Structure formats: C-alpha cells, structure tokens
N, C-alpha and C. Protein backbone atom coordinates (compact mmCIF):
# COMPACT_ATOMS: atom_id res chain seq x y z
N MET A 1 -8.67 -19.20 5.22
CA MET A 1 -7.54 -20.10 5.36
C MET A 1 -6.26 -19.27 5.24
N PRO A 2 -5.43 -19.29 6.27
CA PRO A 2 -4.18 -18.51 6.20
C PRO A 2 -3.30 -18.94 5.03
N HIS A 3 -2.54 -17.98 4.52
CA HIS A 3 -1.66 -18.24 3.39
C HIS A 3 -0.38 -18.98 3.79
N ILE A 4 -0.09 -19.04 5.07
CA ILE A 4 1.06 -19.79 5.57
C ILE A 4 0.58 -20.75 6.64
N GLU A 5 1.35 -21.77 6.89
CA GLU A 5 1.01 -22.70 7.96
C GLU A 5 1.29 -22.02 9.29
N ILE A 6 0.28 -21.98 10.12
CA ILE A 6 0.41 -21.41 11.46
C ILE A 6 0.18 -22.56 12.42
N ALA A 7 1.21 -22.87 13.20
CA ALA A 7 1.21 -24.07 14.04
C ALA A 7 0.54 -23.84 15.40
N ASN A 8 -0.53 -23.03 15.40
CA ASN A 8 -1.31 -22.83 16.61
C ASN A 8 -2.71 -22.43 16.18
N ASP A 9 -3.62 -22.41 17.12
CA ASP A 9 -5.03 -22.11 16.80
C ASP A 9 -5.42 -20.67 17.10
N LEU A 10 -4.46 -19.81 17.37
CA LEU A 10 -4.78 -18.44 17.73
C LEU A 10 -5.11 -17.61 16.49
N PRO A 11 -6.09 -16.72 16.61
CA PRO A 11 -6.47 -15.90 15.45
C PRO A 11 -5.56 -14.68 15.28
N GLY A 12 -5.65 -14.10 14.08
CA GLY A 12 -5.02 -12.82 13.80
C GLY A 12 -3.55 -12.75 14.15
N ILE A 13 -3.15 -11.58 14.62
CA ILE A 13 -1.75 -11.34 14.93
C ILE A 13 -1.29 -12.18 16.12
N SER A 14 -2.22 -12.61 16.96
CA SER A 14 -1.86 -13.47 18.10
C SER A 14 -1.19 -14.74 17.62
N GLY A 15 -1.77 -15.38 16.62
CA GLY A 15 -1.18 -16.59 16.06
C GLY A 15 0.15 -16.34 15.39
N LEU A 16 0.26 -15.20 14.70
CA LEU A 16 1.53 -14.86 14.06
C LEU A 16 2.62 -14.60 15.10
N PHE A 17 2.25 -13.98 16.22
CA PHE A 17 3.23 -13.69 17.27
C PHE A 17 3.76 -14.98 17.90
N VAL A 18 2.88 -15.95 18.11
CA VAL A 18 3.34 -17.23 18.66
C VAL A 18 4.23 -17.94 17.63
N GLN A 19 3.84 -17.83 16.38
CA GLN A 19 4.60 -18.47 15.30
C GLN A 19 5.99 -17.85 15.15
N ARG A 20 6.08 -16.54 15.28
CA ARG A 20 7.34 -15.83 15.04
C ARG A 20 7.67 -14.92 16.23
N PRO A 21 8.15 -15.49 17.33
CA PRO A 21 8.45 -14.66 18.50
C PRO A 21 9.54 -13.63 18.25
N ASP A 22 10.38 -13.85 17.24
CA ASP A 22 11.43 -12.87 16.93
C ASP A 22 10.82 -11.54 16.48
N THR A 23 9.80 -11.58 15.66
CA THR A 23 9.14 -10.34 15.24
C THR A 23 8.09 -9.89 16.25
N ALA A 24 7.53 -10.83 16.99
CA ALA A 24 6.50 -10.49 17.97
C ALA A 24 7.02 -9.51 19.02
N GLY A 25 8.23 -9.71 19.49
CA GLY A 25 8.78 -8.83 20.52
C GLY A 25 8.89 -7.40 20.05
N VAL A 26 9.41 -7.22 18.87
CA VAL A 26 9.59 -5.87 18.32
C VAL A 26 8.24 -5.21 18.04
N LEU A 27 7.33 -5.95 17.43
CA LEU A 27 6.02 -5.38 17.09
C LEU A 27 5.19 -5.10 18.34
N SER A 28 5.29 -5.96 19.35
CA SER A 28 4.58 -5.71 20.61
C SER A 28 5.12 -4.47 21.30
N GLN A 29 6.44 -4.31 21.28
CA GLN A 29 7.02 -3.12 21.90
C GLN A 29 6.59 -1.86 21.15
N LEU A 30 6.51 -1.93 19.82
CA LEU A 30 6.03 -0.80 19.04
C LEU A 30 4.60 -0.44 19.45
N ALA A 31 3.74 -1.45 19.54
CA ALA A 31 2.36 -1.20 19.95
C ALA A 31 2.30 -0.61 21.36
N ASP A 32 3.10 -1.13 22.28
CA ASP A 32 3.13 -0.56 23.63
C ASP A 32 3.56 0.90 23.61
N THR A 33 4.59 1.21 22.85
CA THR A 33 5.09 2.58 22.79
C THR A 33 4.04 3.51 22.20
N LEU A 34 3.43 3.12 21.10
CA LEU A 34 2.47 3.99 20.43
C LEU A 34 1.15 4.12 21.18
N LEU A 35 0.68 3.03 21.77
CA LEU A 35 -0.67 3.01 22.31
C LEU A 35 -0.76 3.07 23.83
N ARG A 36 0.36 2.86 24.51
CA ARG A 36 0.28 2.79 25.97
C ARG A 36 1.34 3.60 26.70
N GLU A 37 2.59 3.41 26.34
CA GLU A 37 3.68 3.92 27.16
C GLU A 37 4.18 5.29 26.75
N GLY A 38 4.25 5.53 25.48
CA GLY A 38 4.84 6.77 25.01
C GLY A 38 4.11 7.98 25.55
N GLU A 39 4.85 9.06 25.78
CA GLU A 39 4.20 10.30 26.21
C GLU A 39 3.36 10.81 25.06
N SER A 40 2.13 11.16 25.37
CA SER A 40 1.21 11.62 24.34
C SER A 40 0.13 12.47 24.99
N PRO A 41 -0.35 13.48 24.28
CA PRO A 41 -1.50 14.23 24.78
C PRO A 41 -2.80 13.43 24.64
N LEU A 42 -2.73 12.32 23.93
CA LEU A 42 -3.88 11.45 23.74
C LEU A 42 -3.90 10.37 24.81
N SER A 43 -5.08 10.10 25.34
CA SER A 43 -5.21 9.02 26.33
C SER A 43 -5.00 7.67 25.64
N ARG A 44 -4.79 6.65 26.44
CA ARG A 44 -4.66 5.30 25.88
C ARG A 44 -5.90 4.93 25.08
N GLY A 45 -7.07 5.24 25.61
CA GLY A 45 -8.31 4.93 24.91
C GLY A 45 -8.43 5.65 23.59
N GLU A 46 -8.02 6.93 23.55
CA GLU A 46 -8.06 7.68 22.29
C GLU A 46 -7.09 7.11 21.27
N ARG A 47 -5.93 6.70 21.73
CA ARG A 47 -4.95 6.10 20.81
C ARG A 47 -5.48 4.78 20.26
N GLU A 48 -6.12 3.99 21.12
CA GLU A 48 -6.72 2.73 20.66
C GLU A 48 -7.86 3.00 19.68
N LEU A 49 -8.61 4.08 19.92
CA LEU A 49 -9.70 4.43 19.02
C LEU A 49 -9.16 4.76 17.62
N ILE A 50 -8.06 5.46 17.56
CA ILE A 50 -7.44 5.75 16.26
C ILE A 50 -7.03 4.44 15.58
N ALA A 51 -6.43 3.52 16.35
CA ALA A 51 -6.03 2.22 15.79
C ALA A 51 -7.25 1.44 15.29
N ALA A 52 -8.33 1.45 16.05
CA ALA A 52 -9.55 0.75 15.64
C ALA A 52 -10.14 1.38 14.39
N TYR A 53 -10.15 2.71 14.34
CA TYR A 53 -10.72 3.43 13.21
C TYR A 53 -9.94 3.14 11.93
N VAL A 54 -8.63 3.22 11.99
CA VAL A 54 -7.81 2.93 10.81
C VAL A 54 -7.99 1.47 10.40
N SER A 55 -8.01 0.56 11.36
CA SER A 55 -8.20 -0.86 11.05
C SER A 55 -9.55 -1.11 10.39
N ASP A 56 -10.57 -0.39 10.85
CA ASP A 56 -11.88 -0.52 10.24
C ASP A 56 -11.86 0.02 8.81
N LEU A 57 -11.22 1.17 8.61
CA LEU A 57 -11.11 1.72 7.25
C LEU A 57 -10.34 0.77 6.33
N ASN A 58 -9.38 0.03 6.89
CA ASN A 58 -8.60 -0.93 6.11
C ASN A 58 -9.31 -2.28 5.97
N CYS A 59 -10.52 -2.39 6.51
CA CYS A 59 -11.31 -3.63 6.43
C CYS A 59 -10.56 -4.82 7.02
N THR A 60 -9.83 -4.58 8.10
CA THR A 60 -9.11 -5.65 8.79
C THR A 60 -9.91 -5.99 10.05
N ALA A 61 -10.79 -6.96 9.91
CA ALA A 61 -11.75 -7.28 10.96
C ALA A 61 -11.08 -7.65 12.28
N TYR A 62 -10.00 -8.43 12.23
CA TYR A 62 -9.34 -8.84 13.46
C TYR A 62 -8.82 -7.61 14.23
N CYS A 63 -8.10 -6.74 13.55
CA CYS A 63 -7.52 -5.57 14.22
C CYS A 63 -8.62 -4.58 14.63
N SER A 64 -9.63 -4.42 13.80
CA SER A 64 -10.73 -3.54 14.16
C SER A 64 -11.44 -4.06 15.40
N GLY A 65 -11.71 -5.36 15.43
CA GLY A 65 -12.38 -5.95 16.59
C GLY A 65 -11.54 -5.86 17.85
N SER A 66 -10.25 -6.15 17.71
CA SER A 66 -9.34 -6.10 18.87
C SER A 66 -9.24 -4.69 19.42
N HIS A 67 -8.88 -3.75 18.57
CA HIS A 67 -8.63 -2.39 19.05
C HIS A 67 -9.91 -1.67 19.42
N SER A 68 -11.03 -2.08 18.84
CA SER A 68 -12.32 -1.55 19.30
C SER A 68 -12.57 -1.98 20.74
N ALA A 69 -12.30 -3.23 21.05
CA ALA A 69 -12.48 -3.72 22.43
C ALA A 69 -11.49 -3.04 23.38
N PHE A 70 -10.26 -2.83 22.92
CA PHE A 70 -9.25 -2.20 23.77
C PHE A 70 -9.63 -0.74 24.02
N ALA A 71 -10.14 -0.06 23.00
CA ALA A 71 -10.58 1.33 23.17
C ALA A 71 -11.79 1.38 24.09
N ALA A 72 -12.76 0.51 23.85
CA ALA A 72 -13.99 0.51 24.64
C ALA A 72 -13.70 0.30 26.13
N ALA A 73 -12.72 -0.53 26.42
CA ALA A 73 -12.36 -0.81 27.82
C ALA A 73 -11.72 0.40 28.50
N GLN A 74 -11.30 1.38 27.71
CA GLN A 74 -10.56 2.51 28.29
C GLN A 74 -11.22 3.87 28.05
N LEU A 75 -12.36 3.88 27.40
CA LEU A 75 -13.05 5.15 27.11
C LEU A 75 -14.40 5.19 27.79
N GLU A 76 -14.74 6.36 28.33
CA GLU A 76 -16.09 6.55 28.83
C GLU A 76 -17.02 6.44 27.62
N GLY A 77 -18.05 5.69 27.75
CA GLY A 77 -18.94 5.44 26.61
C GLY A 77 -18.77 4.05 26.05
N GLY A 78 -17.62 3.42 26.35
CA GLY A 78 -17.38 2.02 26.03
C GLY A 78 -17.66 1.61 24.60
N ALA A 79 -18.19 0.41 24.46
CA ALA A 79 -18.41 -0.20 23.14
C ALA A 79 -19.40 0.60 22.30
N GLU A 80 -20.38 1.21 22.93
CA GLU A 80 -21.36 2.00 22.19
C GLU A 80 -20.69 3.20 21.52
N LEU A 81 -19.81 3.85 22.25
CA LEU A 81 -19.08 4.99 21.68
C LEU A 81 -18.22 4.55 20.50
N VAL A 82 -17.46 3.48 20.70
CA VAL A 82 -16.58 3.00 19.64
C VAL A 82 -17.39 2.61 18.40
N ALA A 83 -18.48 1.90 18.60
CA ALA A 83 -19.32 1.51 17.46
C ALA A 83 -19.85 2.73 16.73
N SER A 84 -20.21 3.78 17.46
CA SER A 84 -20.72 4.98 16.80
C SER A 84 -19.62 5.66 15.98
N VAL A 85 -18.39 5.64 16.47
CA VAL A 85 -17.27 6.23 15.71
C VAL A 85 -17.04 5.44 14.43
N LEU A 86 -17.04 4.12 14.53
CA LEU A 86 -16.81 3.31 13.34
C LEU A 86 -17.96 3.42 12.34
N ALA A 87 -19.16 3.62 12.84
CA ALA A 87 -20.31 3.75 11.95
C ALA A 87 -20.35 5.10 11.24
N ASP A 88 -20.00 6.17 11.97
CA ASP A 88 -20.05 7.51 11.39
C ASP A 88 -19.32 8.48 12.32
N ALA A 89 -18.03 8.63 12.10
CA ALA A 89 -17.20 9.48 12.96
C ALA A 89 -17.68 10.93 12.97
N ASP A 90 -18.31 11.38 11.89
CA ASP A 90 -18.78 12.76 11.83
C ASP A 90 -19.96 13.02 12.77
N ARG A 91 -20.68 11.98 13.12
CA ARG A 91 -21.87 12.13 13.98
C ARG A 91 -21.67 11.52 15.37
N ALA A 92 -20.58 10.86 15.58
CA ALA A 92 -20.33 10.18 16.87
C ALA A 92 -20.16 11.22 17.99
N PRO A 93 -20.52 10.84 19.21
CA PRO A 93 -20.40 11.76 20.35
C PRO A 93 -18.96 11.82 20.89
N ILE A 94 -18.08 12.40 20.08
CA ILE A 94 -16.68 12.57 20.45
C ILE A 94 -16.35 14.05 20.37
N SER A 95 -15.24 14.42 20.96
CA SER A 95 -14.85 15.83 20.95
C SER A 95 -14.50 16.27 19.52
N PRO A 96 -14.65 17.56 19.25
CA PRO A 96 -14.23 18.06 17.94
C PRO A 96 -12.75 17.78 17.65
N LEU A 97 -11.91 17.79 18.68
CA LEU A 97 -10.49 17.49 18.49
C LEU A 97 -10.30 16.06 18.00
N ILE A 98 -10.93 15.10 18.66
CA ILE A 98 -10.77 13.70 18.26
C ILE A 98 -11.36 13.49 16.87
N ARG A 99 -12.49 14.12 16.58
CA ARG A 99 -13.08 14.01 15.23
C ARG A 99 -12.09 14.52 14.19
N ALA A 100 -11.46 15.66 14.46
CA ALA A 100 -10.48 16.22 13.51
C ALA A 100 -9.27 15.31 13.37
N LEU A 101 -8.82 14.71 14.46
CA LEU A 101 -7.67 13.80 14.39
C LEU A 101 -8.01 12.53 13.63
N LEU A 102 -9.24 12.06 13.74
CA LEU A 102 -9.65 10.89 12.96
C LEU A 102 -9.63 11.22 11.46
N LYS A 103 -9.91 12.44 11.10
CA LYS A 103 -9.81 12.84 9.68
C LYS A 103 -8.35 12.83 9.24
N VAL A 104 -7.45 13.25 10.13
CA VAL A 104 -6.01 13.15 9.83
C VAL A 104 -5.65 11.68 9.61
N ALA A 105 -6.09 10.82 10.54
CA ALA A 105 -5.78 9.39 10.44
C ALA A 105 -6.34 8.79 9.15
N ALA A 106 -7.53 9.21 8.76
CA ALA A 106 -8.14 8.68 7.53
C ALA A 106 -7.33 9.06 6.30
N GLU A 107 -6.78 10.25 6.29
CA GLU A 107 -5.95 10.63 5.14
C GLU A 107 -4.66 9.82 5.09
N VAL A 108 -4.08 9.56 6.25
CA VAL A 108 -2.87 8.72 6.30
C VAL A 108 -3.22 7.32 5.80
N GLN A 109 -4.36 6.80 6.24
CA GLN A 109 -4.79 5.45 5.85
C GLN A 109 -5.02 5.37 4.35
N ALA A 110 -5.55 6.44 3.76
CA ALA A 110 -5.96 6.40 2.36
C ALA A 110 -4.81 6.36 1.37
N LYS A 111 -3.70 7.04 1.70
CA LYS A 111 -2.59 7.06 0.75
C LYS A 111 -1.31 7.54 1.44
N ALA A 112 -0.21 7.11 0.90
CA ALA A 112 1.10 7.52 1.42
C ALA A 112 1.45 8.86 0.79
N ALA A 113 0.89 9.90 1.36
CA ALA A 113 1.11 11.26 0.86
C ALA A 113 0.93 12.20 2.05
N PRO A 114 1.40 13.42 1.92
CA PRO A 114 1.19 14.36 3.02
C PRO A 114 -0.30 14.55 3.32
N VAL A 115 -0.61 14.66 4.59
CA VAL A 115 -1.98 15.01 4.98
C VAL A 115 -2.22 16.43 4.45
N SER A 116 -3.40 16.69 3.98
CA SER A 116 -3.68 17.99 3.38
C SER A 116 -3.55 19.12 4.39
N ASP A 117 -3.14 20.27 3.89
CA ASP A 117 -3.04 21.46 4.74
C ASP A 117 -4.40 21.80 5.36
N THR A 118 -5.46 21.58 4.61
CA THR A 118 -6.81 21.88 5.10
C THR A 118 -7.16 21.01 6.31
N THR A 119 -6.83 19.72 6.23
CA THR A 119 -7.13 18.80 7.32
C THR A 119 -6.29 19.13 8.55
N ILE A 120 -5.03 19.46 8.34
CA ILE A 120 -4.16 19.85 9.47
C ILE A 120 -4.68 21.15 10.09
N ALA A 121 -5.04 22.12 9.27
CA ALA A 121 -5.55 23.39 9.79
C ALA A 121 -6.84 23.17 10.59
N ALA A 122 -7.69 22.28 10.12
CA ALA A 122 -8.92 21.98 10.84
C ALA A 122 -8.62 21.35 12.20
N ALA A 123 -7.63 20.46 12.24
CA ALA A 123 -7.24 19.84 13.51
C ALA A 123 -6.65 20.89 14.45
N ARG A 124 -5.81 21.75 13.93
CA ARG A 124 -5.23 22.81 14.76
C ARG A 124 -6.31 23.75 15.29
N ALA A 125 -7.32 24.03 14.48
CA ALA A 125 -8.42 24.90 14.91
C ALA A 125 -9.19 24.28 16.09
N GLU A 126 -9.12 22.96 16.21
CA GLU A 126 -9.78 22.27 17.33
C GLU A 126 -8.84 22.05 18.51
N GLY A 127 -7.62 22.58 18.40
CA GLY A 127 -6.68 22.50 19.52
C GLY A 127 -5.57 21.49 19.37
N ALA A 128 -5.44 20.87 18.21
CA ALA A 128 -4.38 19.88 18.00
C ALA A 128 -3.01 20.55 18.07
N THR A 129 -2.13 19.94 18.83
CA THR A 129 -0.75 20.39 18.93
C THR A 129 0.10 19.55 17.98
N ASP A 130 1.37 19.92 17.88
CA ASP A 130 2.29 19.10 17.08
C ASP A 130 2.29 17.66 17.57
N ASP A 131 2.24 17.46 18.89
CA ASP A 131 2.26 16.09 19.43
C ASP A 131 0.99 15.33 19.07
N HIS A 132 -0.18 15.98 19.11
CA HIS A 132 -1.42 15.31 18.68
C HIS A 132 -1.29 14.83 17.23
N ILE A 133 -0.82 15.72 16.38
CA ILE A 133 -0.72 15.40 14.96
C ILE A 133 0.33 14.32 14.72
N HIS A 134 1.48 14.46 15.34
CA HIS A 134 2.54 13.46 15.21
C HIS A 134 2.03 12.08 15.61
N ASP A 135 1.44 12.00 16.81
CA ASP A 135 1.02 10.71 17.33
C ASP A 135 -0.09 10.10 16.47
N THR A 136 -1.01 10.92 16.01
CA THR A 136 -2.09 10.41 15.15
C THR A 136 -1.53 9.85 13.85
N VAL A 137 -0.63 10.59 13.22
CA VAL A 137 -0.05 10.13 11.96
C VAL A 137 0.75 8.85 12.18
N LEU A 138 1.52 8.78 13.25
CA LEU A 138 2.33 7.59 13.49
C LEU A 138 1.47 6.38 13.80
N ILE A 139 0.43 6.54 14.60
CA ILE A 139 -0.47 5.41 14.89
C ILE A 139 -1.14 4.94 13.60
N ALA A 140 -1.64 5.88 12.80
CA ALA A 140 -2.31 5.50 11.55
C ALA A 140 -1.35 4.80 10.60
N ALA A 141 -0.13 5.30 10.51
CA ALA A 141 0.86 4.67 9.62
C ALA A 141 1.25 3.28 10.13
N ALA A 142 1.44 3.15 11.43
CA ALA A 142 1.79 1.84 12.00
C ALA A 142 0.66 0.84 11.78
N PHE A 143 -0.58 1.30 11.90
CA PHE A 143 -1.68 0.37 11.71
C PHE A 143 -1.90 0.03 10.25
N ALA A 144 -1.45 0.85 9.35
CA ALA A 144 -1.43 0.44 7.95
C ALA A 144 -0.55 -0.80 7.82
N MET A 145 0.60 -0.80 8.51
CA MET A 145 1.51 -1.95 8.48
C MET A 145 0.92 -3.15 9.23
N PHE A 146 0.46 -2.95 10.46
CA PHE A 146 -0.12 -4.06 11.23
C PHE A 146 -1.29 -4.69 10.46
N ASN A 147 -2.16 -3.86 9.91
CA ASN A 147 -3.32 -4.38 9.18
C ASN A 147 -2.91 -5.19 7.96
N ARG A 148 -1.90 -4.74 7.25
CA ARG A 148 -1.45 -5.46 6.07
C ARG A 148 -0.77 -6.78 6.45
N TYR A 149 -0.10 -6.80 7.57
CA TYR A 149 0.50 -8.03 8.08
C TYR A 149 -0.58 -9.07 8.36
N VAL A 150 -1.60 -8.68 9.09
CA VAL A 150 -2.69 -9.59 9.46
C VAL A 150 -3.53 -9.98 8.24
N SER A 151 -3.92 -9.01 7.44
CA SER A 151 -4.77 -9.30 6.28
C SER A 151 -4.00 -9.97 5.15
N GLY A 152 -2.76 -9.53 4.94
CA GLY A 152 -1.96 -10.08 3.85
C GLY A 152 -1.72 -11.57 3.98
N LEU A 153 -1.67 -12.06 5.21
CA LEU A 153 -1.46 -13.49 5.43
C LEU A 153 -2.78 -14.23 5.64
N ALA A 154 -3.90 -13.51 5.49
CA ALA A 154 -5.24 -14.11 5.59
C ALA A 154 -5.42 -14.87 6.91
N THR A 155 -5.00 -14.25 8.00
CA THR A 155 -5.12 -14.91 9.30
C THR A 155 -6.58 -15.12 9.67
N ALA A 156 -6.80 -16.06 10.56
CA ALA A 156 -8.15 -16.43 10.97
C ALA A 156 -8.73 -15.40 11.95
N LEU A 157 -10.05 -15.31 11.94
CA LEU A 157 -10.77 -14.53 12.93
C LEU A 157 -11.11 -15.43 14.11
N PRO A 158 -11.30 -14.86 15.29
CA PRO A 158 -11.68 -15.71 16.42
C PRO A 158 -13.03 -16.38 16.19
N ALA A 159 -13.14 -17.62 16.61
CA ALA A 159 -14.40 -18.35 16.48
C ALA A 159 -15.46 -17.74 17.39
N ASP A 160 -15.04 -17.20 18.52
CA ASP A 160 -15.95 -16.62 19.51
C ASP A 160 -15.63 -15.13 19.65
N PRO A 161 -16.59 -14.26 19.34
CA PRO A 161 -16.33 -12.82 19.43
C PRO A 161 -15.93 -12.33 20.83
N SER A 162 -16.22 -13.11 21.86
CA SER A 162 -15.82 -12.71 23.22
C SER A 162 -14.29 -12.74 23.38
N PHE A 163 -13.60 -13.33 22.41
CA PHE A 163 -12.13 -13.32 22.40
C PHE A 163 -11.61 -11.90 22.55
N TYR A 164 -12.23 -10.94 21.86
CA TYR A 164 -11.75 -9.56 21.86
C TYR A 164 -11.83 -8.94 23.25
N ASN A 165 -12.93 -9.18 23.96
CA ASN A 165 -13.07 -8.62 25.31
C ASN A 165 -12.09 -9.27 26.28
N ALA A 166 -11.87 -10.56 26.14
CA ALA A 166 -10.89 -11.24 27.00
C ALA A 166 -9.49 -10.69 26.71
N ALA A 167 -9.17 -10.49 25.45
CA ALA A 167 -7.88 -9.91 25.08
C ALA A 167 -7.75 -8.49 25.63
N ALA A 168 -8.85 -7.74 25.61
CA ALA A 168 -8.83 -6.37 26.14
C ALA A 168 -8.47 -6.37 27.62
N ASP A 169 -9.01 -7.32 28.37
CA ASP A 169 -8.68 -7.39 29.80
C ASP A 169 -7.17 -7.55 30.00
N VAL A 170 -6.55 -8.39 29.19
CA VAL A 170 -5.12 -8.65 29.31
C VAL A 170 -4.31 -7.44 28.85
N VAL A 171 -4.63 -6.89 27.71
CA VAL A 171 -3.86 -5.77 27.15
C VAL A 171 -3.98 -4.54 28.06
N VAL A 172 -5.17 -4.25 28.54
CA VAL A 172 -5.35 -3.08 29.41
C VAL A 172 -4.56 -3.26 30.70
N ALA A 173 -4.53 -4.46 31.22
CA ALA A 173 -3.82 -4.71 32.48
C ALA A 173 -2.31 -4.82 32.30
N ARG A 174 -1.85 -5.47 31.21
CA ARG A 174 -0.43 -5.79 31.10
C ARG A 174 0.26 -5.24 29.87
N GLY A 175 -0.47 -4.66 28.96
CA GLY A 175 0.14 -4.14 27.74
C GLY A 175 0.32 -5.22 26.71
N TYR A 176 0.85 -4.81 25.58
CA TYR A 176 1.03 -5.74 24.46
C TYR A 176 2.19 -6.69 24.72
N SER A 177 3.28 -6.19 25.22
CA SER A 177 4.44 -7.06 25.49
C SER A 177 4.12 -8.04 26.60
N GLY A 178 3.33 -7.62 27.59
CA GLY A 178 2.95 -8.50 28.69
C GLY A 178 1.88 -9.49 28.33
N ALA A 179 1.23 -9.26 27.20
CA ALA A 179 0.14 -10.16 26.76
C ALA A 179 0.66 -11.38 26.03
N ARG A 180 1.94 -11.34 25.63
CA ARG A 180 2.48 -12.47 24.86
C ARG A 180 2.84 -13.61 25.76
C-alpha cells in the first residue's frame, strides 16, 4: 500500500510521474541523459544493465524489473543474460570490463564514499576510461535516488509482469521523456 494517495492505477515510478508531472519531466530527462542520450562509451543496454543491477542490489523490485526488461531489449543475450548478471555478476557471461564496472556500481550503491582505489584500478586494468568510470558512478548514484523515491513511497508493483516488457517497447522506441 503506497504511503501517499496516488490518484491512478499505475505501478512504481509511472504512477508517481502521472501524479507529479512537475518532477516527472526533470527525472525523465535525467534518465534519458544518463541511459540513452548522453555521450558514453557504454551502450544503452549496458547503461540499463547498470541501472538494473543497482536497483536489484537496492531490493527495489519495480526498478529492477523495469530496467532489467529495458536492458534485455537492448543487449545480445536478452533476458537470460540480464538474469545471469543479477544472479551472479562474477559468473555471468559479460565482458571483464562490464564485470569490473558493475563492481564500481556496487560500491557506489553500498555507501556514499569514494570507490576504492583497488576497484578503480581493476576497472582500469580491464580498459575502463575516465568516461566509463564517470558514467558508471553517475548511473549508480542516480539509481540510488530513483530507487529510494520508488521504495520510500511504497509504490505498487505491476499486477502483470508483462508490464515490464510492454514498458521496454515504449522506452526503447521513444525514451523516458517520450514514454510519459
């Protein structure tokens, strides 16, 4: 049961965006910039995978489900790949670079402190550039905020899990701002 009255039946952040279009515009643009539009050495699918991974670590089922579907729609390997990353990123069939960046993201998710020199060095050893590290840290930090927004208000989960795949079709085609 959500902690505030939400005057629509939409789950998660979708319902909050309809409820508060003033904040929805800004937050949607942030998501578009971080996950779709901004210049990045990371593909859209890789950026979504980082968002899904952080959301899963934060136990935010709505965001984990959404961004897992968005990543799966944009990555070779699809839902099976994403599920393997969420189950065990150390054993998932991903590149050593992405595995190292997920460790960076996990440290950002765990606490508001500098990522360890060891973790950064490991990412650099796998080819991470300043832009890889910057984008990973920013996505992980932003999803700490998005996850707390959704979870803090105890928003509803979709009644039908196919909601996530339908949302993925819209987000992949039109982006976050176009999905509203």
